[in-house]
Protein backbone atom coordinates (compact mmCIF):
# COMPACT_ATOMS: atom_id res chain seq x y z
CA MET A 1 -236.10 87.16 24.86
CA ASP A 2 -235.18 87.83 28.49
CA GLU A 3 -236.35 84.62 30.13
CA LYS A 4 -234.25 83.79 33.18
CA TYR A 5 -234.16 81.06 35.75
CA SER A 6 -231.89 79.81 38.55
CA LYS A 7 -229.99 76.60 38.09
CA VAL A 8 -229.09 74.88 41.26
CA THR A 9 -225.38 73.84 41.46
CA ILE A 10 -223.08 72.34 44.10
CA GLU A 11 -221.88 75.85 44.84
CA GLY A 12 -225.46 77.15 45.28
CA ASP A 13 -227.83 79.01 42.95
CA LYS A 14 -226.13 80.01 39.68
CA LYS A 15 -227.84 82.76 37.75
CA THR A 16 -228.17 81.83 34.08
CA GLU A 17 -230.26 82.98 31.17
CA TRP A 18 -231.40 81.46 27.86
CA ILE A 19 -229.51 82.57 24.81
CA CYS A 20 -232.27 81.41 22.35
CA GLY A 21 -236.03 81.10 22.27
CA CYS A 22 -236.19 78.16 24.71
CA PHE A 23 -237.68 78.95 28.17
CA GLN A 24 -238.89 77.36 31.40
CA THR A 25 -242.17 78.40 32.92
CA ALA A 26 -242.83 78.97 36.63
CA ASP A 27 -244.44 75.51 36.91
CA ASN A 28 -241.30 73.79 35.50
CA TYR A 29 -242.62 73.28 31.99
CA PHE A 30 -239.94 73.63 29.30
CA LYS A 31 -240.73 75.10 25.89
CA PHE A 32 -237.99 74.64 23.26
CA CYS A 33 -237.36 76.94 20.30
CA ASN A 34 -237.50 75.67 16.72
CA SER A 35 -233.68 75.40 16.55
CA HIS A 36 -233.43 73.03 19.53
CA ASN A 37 -236.82 71.29 19.69
CA GLN A 38 -236.00 68.28 17.53
CA THR A 39 -232.62 67.60 19.17
CA LEU A 40 -233.93 67.95 22.69
CA GLN A 41 -236.92 65.88 21.96
CA LYS A 42 -234.66 63.04 20.83
CA ALA A 43 -232.45 63.50 23.98
CA ILE A 44 -235.51 63.40 26.27
CA GLN A 45 -236.96 60.32 24.59
CA ALA A 46 -233.59 58.49 24.85
CA GLN A 47 -233.43 59.23 28.51
CA ILE A 48 -236.97 58.04 29.09
CA ASP A 49 -236.06 54.71 27.39
CA GLU A 50 -232.77 54.45 29.32
CA LEU A 51 -234.31 55.20 32.66
CA ASP A 52 -237.21 52.72 32.04
CA MET A 53 -239.79 55.39 32.96
CA THR A 54 -242.70 53.79 31.10
CA ARG A 55 -244.49 50.52 31.12
CA VAL A 56 -246.61 48.72 28.51
CA ILE A 57 -250.39 48.76 29.19
CA GLU A 58 -253.15 47.08 27.28
């Protein structure tokens, strides 16, 4: 796959590219490959809990 995106850094835009099947769409949606999906899903869920980004609704 030849998916590329620019990662903003302190020094400015840093050109990077994916080394697996993960990619980021133009509208900032991330799709993770089978190798990384489970690990990244756990990391995202942990951050959501830590940042208190949800609330309980009835």
